Protein backbone atom coordinates (compact mmCIF):
# COMPACT_ATOMS: atom_id res chain seq x y z
CA UNK A 1 -18.25 -15.51 -15.75
CA UNK A 2 -15.98 -13.70 -18.25
CA UNK A 3 -12.91 -12.26 -16.59
CA UNK A 4 -10.28 -9.59 -17.30
CA UNK A 5 -6.96 -9.15 -15.49
CA UNK A 6 -6.01 -5.51 -14.89
CA UNK A 7 -2.71 -4.07 -13.66
CA UNK A 8 -2.24 -0.92 -11.55
CA UNK A 9 -0.30 2.22 -12.40
CA UNK A 10 1.83 4.71 -10.53
CA UNK A 11 0.59 5.78 -7.10
CA UNK A 12 -0.11 2.24 -5.89
CA UNK A 13 3.43 1.74 -4.56
CA UNK A 14 4.04 0.98 -0.86
CA UNK A 15 7.11 -0.16 1.05
CA UNK A 16 6.86 -3.92 1.59
CA UNK A 17 4.60 -4.65 -1.40
CA UNK A 18 5.08 -8.15 -2.75
CA UNK A 19 7.29 -9.36 0.11
CA UNK A 20 4.72 -11.80 1.50
CA UNK A 21 4.21 -13.20 -2.01
CA UNK A 22 7.97 -13.67 -2.45
CA UNK A 23 8.21 -15.38 0.95
CA UNK A 24 5.29 -17.72 0.21
CA UNK A 25 5.90 -18.51 -3.48
CA UNK A 26 9.28 -19.32 -5.08
CA UNK A 27 7.83 -18.31 -8.48
CA UNK A 28 7.01 -14.86 -7.10
CA UNK A 29 10.49 -14.43 -5.63
CA UNK A 30 11.97 -15.41 -8.99
CA UNK A 31 10.26 -12.39 -10.57
CA UNK A 32 11.94 -9.98 -8.15
CA UNK A 33 15.28 -11.75 -8.71
CA UNK A 34 14.85 -11.42 -12.48
CA UNK A 35 14.03 -7.70 -12.23
CA UNK A 36 17.03 -7.11 -9.94
CA UNK A 37 19.30 -8.89 -12.44
CA UNK A 38 17.85 -6.99 -15.41
CA UNK A 39 18.46 -3.62 -13.72
CA UNK A 40 21.82 -4.57 -12.23
CA UNK A 41 20.72 -3.49 -8.75
CA UNK A 42 18.62 -4.76 -5.86
CA UNK A 43 15.33 -3.00 -6.54
CA UNK A 44 13.67 -5.59 -4.27
CA UNK A 45 15.67 -4.25 -1.29
CA UNK A 46 14.32 -0.76 -2.01
CA UNK A 47 10.75 -2.11 -2.40
CA UNK A 48 10.83 -4.05 0.87
CA UNK A 49 13.14 -2.02 3.13
CA UNK A 50 13.72 1.35 1.48
CA UNK A 51 12.32 4.85 1.88
CA UNK A 52 8.96 5.62 0.27
CA UNK A 53 10.37 8.86 -1.19
CA UNK A 54 12.98 6.86 -3.13
CA UNK A 55 10.52 4.17 -4.20
CA UNK A 56 8.11 6.86 -5.44
CA UNK A 57 10.69 8.29 -7.86
CA UNK A 58 9.25 7.50 -11.29
CA UNK A 59 12.30 5.53 -12.44
CA UNK A 60 11.92 3.21 -9.41
CA UNK A 61 8.14 3.07 -8.99
CA UNK A 62 7.47 1.91 -12.55
CA UNK A 63 9.61 -1.27 -12.58
CA UNK A 64 8.74 -1.91 -8.90
CA UNK A 65 5.00 -1.95 -9.54
CA UNK A 66 5.46 -4.18 -12.58
CA UNK A 67 7.57 -6.61 -10.54
CA UNK A 68 4.90 -6.77 -7.83
CA UNK A 69 2.14 -7.38 -10.39
CA UNK A 70 4.07 -10.16 -12.14
CA UNK A 71 4.98 -11.73 -8.80
CA UNK A 72 1.27 -11.83 -7.89
CA UNK A 73 0.49 -13.39 -11.27
CA UNK A 74 3.19 -16.07 -10.85
CA UNK A 75 1.79 -16.85 -7.39
CA UNK A 76 -1.68 -17.23 -8.92
CA UNK A 77 -0.25 -19.52 -11.58
CA UNK A 78 1.39 -21.63 -8.86
CA UNK A 79 -2.12 -22.24 -7.50
CA UNK A 80 -3.50 -23.39 -10.85
CA UNK A 81 -4.86 -20.13 -12.23
CA UNK A 82 -3.63 -19.06 -15.69
CA UNK A 83 -3.35 -15.87 -17.71
CA UNK A 84 -5.56 -17.56 -20.29
CA UNK A 85 -8.36 -17.62 -17.68
CA UNK A 86 -8.74 -13.96 -18.71
CA UNK A 87 -10.49 -12.89 -21.91
CA UNK A 88 -8.50 -9.62 -21.88
CA UNK A 89 -5.67 -7.92 -20.01
CA UNK A 90 -5.26 -4.18 -19.50
CA UNK A 91 -3.17 -1.86 -17.37
CA UNK A 92 -3.32 1.78 -16.30
CA UNK A 93 -0.40 3.71 -17.89
CA UNK A 94 2.74 1.81 -16.74
CA UNK A 95 0.33 -1.06 -15.93
CA UNK A 96 0.00 -1.63 -19.67
CA UNK A 97 3.61 -2.87 -19.60
CA UNK A 98 2.69 -5.25 -16.77
CA UNK A 99 -0.25 -6.48 -18.87
CA UNK A 100 2.03 -7.07 -21.86
CA UNK A 101 4.55 -8.98 -19.72
CA UNK A 102 1.71 -10.99 -18.13
CA UNK A 103 0.42 -11.96 -21.58
CA UNK A 104 3.90 -12.95 -22.79
CA UNK A 105 4.24 -10.11 -25.31
CA UNK A 106 7.34 -8.83 -23.47
CA UNK A 107 9.84 -10.66 -21.29
CA UNK A 108 10.00 -9.57 -17.64
CA UNK A 109 13.66 -8.53 -18.06
CA UNK A 110 12.91 -6.38 -21.10
CA UNK A 111 9.88 -4.89 -19.35
CA UNK A 112 11.96 -3.91 -16.30
CA UNK A 113 14.59 -2.24 -18.48
CA UNK A 114 11.96 -0.47 -20.60
CA UNK A 115 10.21 0.88 -17.50
CA UNK A 116 13.48 2.14 -16.04
CA UNK A 117 14.13 3.98 -19.33
CA UNK A 118 10.52 5.21 -19.44
CA UNK A 119 10.56 6.46 -15.86
CA UNK A 120 13.90 8.24 -16.29
CA UNK A 121 12.86 9.76 -19.63
CA UNK A 122 9.48 10.95 -18.32
CA UNK A 123 11.16 12.52 -15.28
CA UNK A 124 13.78 14.35 -17.35
CA UNK A 125 11.50 15.43 -20.22
CA UNK A 126 10.30 18.55 -18.37
CA UNK A 127 12.30 20.59 -15.83
CA UNK A 128 10.90 20.37 -12.29
CA UNK A 129 8.34 23.12 -11.69
CA UNK A 130 7.49 23.67 -15.36
CA UNK A 131 4.68 21.13 -15.54
CA UNK A 132 1.82 19.97 -13.32
CA UNK A 133 -1.17 17.62 -13.20
CA UNK A 134 -4.55 18.15 -11.57
CA UNK A 135 -7.52 15.92 -10.78
CA UNK A 136 -10.91 17.31 -11.75
CA UNK A 137 -13.59 15.49 -9.73
CA UNK A 138 -17.26 15.61 -10.61
CA UNK A 139 -16.83 16.68 -14.25
CA UNK A 140 -17.46 14.36 -17.18
CA UNK A 141 -14.78 13.83 -19.81
CA UNK A 142 -16.31 16.17 -22.41
CA UNK A 143 -16.49 19.05 -19.91
CA UNK A 144 -12.98 18.37 -18.59
CA UNK A 145 -11.64 18.40 -22.16
CA UNK A 146 -13.33 21.77 -22.78
CA UNK A 147 -11.83 23.12 -19.54
CA UNK A 148 -8.34 21.94 -20.57
CA UNK A 149 -8.65 23.56 -24.01
CA UNK A 150 -9.86 26.83 -22.52
CA UNK A 151 -7.10 26.83 -19.90
CA UNK A 152 -4.28 26.22 -22.40
CA UNK A 153 -4.04 29.80 -23.75
CA UNK A 154 -1.03 28.89 -25.88
CA UNK A 155 0.44 26.52 -23.29
CA UNK A 156 -0.07 22.74 -23.11
CA UNK A 157 -3.09 21.53 -21.14
CA UNK A 158 -4.60 18.15 -22.02
CA UNK A 159 -6.89 15.52 -20.53
CA UNK A 160 -4.27 12.94 -19.50
CA UNK A 161 -6.29 10.28 -17.65
CA UNK A 162 -9.98 9.57 -18.21
CA UNK A 163 -10.23 7.43 -15.08
CA UNK A 164 -13.95 7.07 -14.41
CA UNK A 165 -17.20 8.99 -15.00
CA UNK A 166 -16.33 11.63 -12.40
CA UNK A 167 -12.53 11.75 -12.39
CA UNK A 168 -10.42 13.24 -15.16
CA UNK A 169 -6.77 14.23 -14.72
CA UNK A 170 -5.35 17.09 -16.79
CA UNK A 171 -1.67 17.61 -17.52
CA UNK A 172 0.54 20.32 -19.01
CA UNK A 173 2.32 23.57 -18.24
CA UNK A 174 1.91 24.53 -14.57
CA UNK A 175 0.19 27.88 -15.21
CA UNK A 176 -2.28 26.28 -17.64
CA UNK A 177 -3.10 23.46 -15.21
CA UNK A 178 -3.65 26.02 -12.43
CA UNK A 179 -6.05 27.89 -14.75
CA UNK A 180 -7.82 24.57 -15.44
CA UNK A 181 -8.36 24.05 -11.68
CA UNK A 182 -10.10 27.42 -11.36
CA UNK A 183 -12.14 26.93 -14.54
CA UNK A 184 -13.21 23.45 -13.40
CA UNK A 185 -14.49 24.84 -10.10
CA UNK A 186 -16.44 27.49 -12.04
CA UNK A 187 -17.92 24.72 -14.23
CA UNK A 188 -19.22 22.85 -11.18
CA UNK A 189 -16.43 20.40 -10.29
CA UNK A 190 -16.88 18.93 -6.81
CA UNK A 191 -13.13 19.24 -6.29
CA UNK A 192 -10.18 20.28 -8.43
CA UNK A 193 -6.72 19.85 -7.01
CA UNK A 194 -3.10 19.90 -8.11
CA UNK A 195 -1.59 16.41 -7.73
CA UNK A 196 1.73 15.69 -5.96
CA UNK A 197 3.46 14.29 -9.06
CA UNK A 198 6.97 14.89 -10.28
CA UNK A 199 6.20 15.55 -13.96
CA UNK A 200 3.27 16.27 -16.33
CA UNK A 201 2.61 12.77 -17.68
CA UNK A 202 0.50 11.89 -20.75
CA UNK A 203 0.65 15.24 -22.52
CA UNK A 204 2.59 16.82 -25.41
CA UNK A 205 5.36 17.99 -23.03
CA UNK A 206 6.39 14.31 -22.79
CA UNK A 207 7.50 14.16 -26.46
CA UNK A 208 11.21 13.75 -25.53
CA UNK A 209 10.22 10.69 -23.46
CA UNK A 210 8.15 9.32 -26.35
CA UNK A 211 11.23 9.65 -28.60
CA UNK A 212 13.32 7.78 -26.01
CA UNK A 213 10.73 4.99 -25.83
CA UNK A 214 10.56 4.69 -29.63
CA UNK A 215 14.32 4.09 -29.64
CA UNK A 216 14.21 1.66 -26.70
CA UNK A 217 11.27 -0.34 -28.05
CA UNK A 218 12.83 -0.66 -31.50
CA UNK A 219 15.44 -3.07 -30.13
CA UNK A 220 13.06 -5.22 -28.04
CA UNK A 221 11.20 -8.34 -29.16
CA UNK A 222 7.41 -7.96 -28.95
CA UNK A 223 5.50 -11.25 -29.27
CA UNK A 224 1.83 -11.83 -30.03
CA UNK A 225 0.18 -11.78 -26.57
CA UNK A 226 -1.48 -14.97 -25.32
CA UNK A 227 -4.48 -12.81 -24.32
CA UNK A 228 -5.57 -9.63 -26.19
CA UNK A 229 -4.32 -6.40 -24.59
CA UNK A 230 -6.77 -3.49 -24.28
CA UNK A 231 -4.51 -0.54 -25.15
CA UNK A 232 -4.76 2.72 -23.19
CA UNK A 233 -4.80 5.00 -26.21
CA UNK A 234 -7.22 2.87 -28.25
CA UNK A 235 -9.64 1.59 -25.57
CA UNK A 236 -9.97 -1.68 -27.50
CA UNK A 237 -8.09 -4.97 -27.79
CA UNK A 238 -4.87 -5.16 -29.81
CA UNK A 239 -2.79 -8.28 -30.49
CA UNK A 240 -0.50 -7.26 -33.38
CA UNK A 241 3.09 -6.88 -32.06
CA UNK A 242 3.97 -3.92 -34.31
CA UNK A 243 0.80 -2.11 -33.30
CA UNK A 244 1.46 -2.77 -29.62
CA UNK A 245 4.97 -1.35 -29.97
CA UNK A 246 3.68 1.81 -31.72
CA UNK A 247 0.90 2.30 -29.15
CA UNK A 248 3.39 2.17 -26.25
CA UNK A 249 5.18 5.13 -27.86
CA UNK A 250 1.90 6.97 -28.46
CA UNK A 251 0.85 6.30 -24.86
CA UNK A 252 3.61 8.54 -23.43
CA UNK A 253 1.99 11.70 -24.81
CA UNK A 254 -1.56 10.33 -25.26
CA UNK A 255 -4.52 10.00 -22.91
CA UNK A 256 -5.06 6.94 -20.74
CA UNK A 257 -8.61 6.07 -21.81
CA UNK A 258 -9.36 3.90 -18.78
CA UNK A 259 -13.10 4.61 -18.50
CA UNK A 260 -13.60 3.71 -22.16
CA UNK A 261 -11.32 0.65 -21.86
CA UNK A 262 -13.38 -0.79 -19.00
CA UNK A 263 -16.64 0.03 -20.77
CA UNK A 264 -15.35 -1.69 -23.92
CA UNK A 265 -14.47 -4.85 -21.96
CA UNK A 266 -17.90 -4.84 -20.30
CA UNK A 267 -19.48 -4.52 -23.76
CA UNK A 268 -17.51 -7.64 -24.80
CA UNK A 269 -19.11 -9.55 -21.92
CA UNK A 270 -16.54 -9.10 -19.11
CA UNK A 271 -18.32 -9.31 -15.75
CA UNK A 272 -15.36 -9.76 -13.37
CA UNK A 273 -12.09 -7.83 -13.06
CA UNK A 274 -9.07 -9.12 -11.13
CA UNK A 275 -6.66 -6.34 -10.14
CA UNK A 276 -3.25 -8.02 -10.02
CA UNK A 277 -0.57 -6.36 -7.87
CA UNK A 278 -0.43 -3.44 -5.44
CA UNK A 279 -3.47 -1.61 -4.13
CA UNK A 280 -7.13 -1.41 -5.09
CA UNK A 281 -7.32 1.87 -7.04
CA UNK A 282 -8.45 0.28 -10.30
CA UNK A 283 -11.15 -1.74 -8.54
CA UNK A 284 -12.64 1.51 -7.23
CA UNK A 285 -12.57 3.09 -10.70
CA UNK A 286 -14.14 -0.01 -12.29
CA UNK A 287 -17.01 0.01 -9.76
CA UNK A 288 -17.70 3.67 -10.62
CA UNK A 289 -17.62 2.87 -14.37
CA UNK A 290 -19.79 -0.27 -14.21
CA UNK A 291 -21.45 -0.83 -10.83
CA UNK A 292 -22.55 -4.38 -11.73
CA UNK A 293 -18.95 -5.56 -12.29
CA UNK A 294 -17.37 -7.88 -9.73
CA UNK A 295 -13.84 -6.88 -8.68
CA UNK A 296 -11.09 -8.69 -6.78
CA UNK A 297 -7.76 -7.17 -5.73
CA UNK A 298 -5.00 -9.80 -5.63
CA UNK A 299 -1.73 -8.71 -4.08
CA UNK A 300 -1.13 -10.95 -1.05
CA UNK A 301 -1.09 -14.68 -0.21
CA UNK A 302 -4.31 -14.07 1.78
CA UNK A 303 -6.01 -12.73 -1.36
CA UNK A 304 -5.02 -15.89 -3.24
CA UNK A 305 -6.16 -18.15 -0.38
CA UNK A 306 -9.56 -16.41 -0.45
CA UNK A 307 -9.80 -17.04 -4.21
CA UNK A 308 -9.05 -20.75 -3.72
CA UNK A 309 -11.63 -20.98 -0.94
């Protein structure tokens, strides 16, 4: 059975995530300690005992979700599983950073600092209220892209996340995204709704954040990953460090091509996907993309015990 490890993106965060892993596995706790030290604050206290509103702030959620994913991976490794058990790694948006850290392309400390910069830059790139994102359910990607183009009318409106065959997220100026919601309904969408997000991610309005990431990534060491990384904006495997660095910059304003990424891995023979970290959102998407795929969500000691059994 050919396996891929996948890493969740924003929205999966919950208070208490990763605590049981840290309690059960010293290697998992060490990840949270390393992230706390890299950021110069106790992010783990916020993750385990804080307020969800504070954890959900982009600058906190991004490094917190990465820490939880890497803690789950270290716990798996403690039980004899290895990153090289996977043929590929991939992550959804910020999850791509988790995938790169998992594959050894980035250190955990550098990844935490990069995600803090990324989250802060994405939040500040667009004044609150100027941008929006909306989920269009029941439209295919081609139709959703047409809807976004028609809705733009001189503003920005782009397909930001191609999540699965019936879920595309559009992003851009608030008025354009609101027009896209109405157009999508007229084109037969089952549902079209504005999402409760704090900024319009993965569209041209994020260019200031892309510039900030280009500067931040220029001073960070990127190694050749131990497992090929399926990049969001390419929907195929990449292992060249310079390419990976450039694609992380491109990813800030580019589409997350998740549906195509999963389909590409399936075409390479992947039959099983392990979702490493918080939640099960990617497992649901993967099942809708390729029904025959086996999925496992691994975010607790119980999940790991079930794997061993």
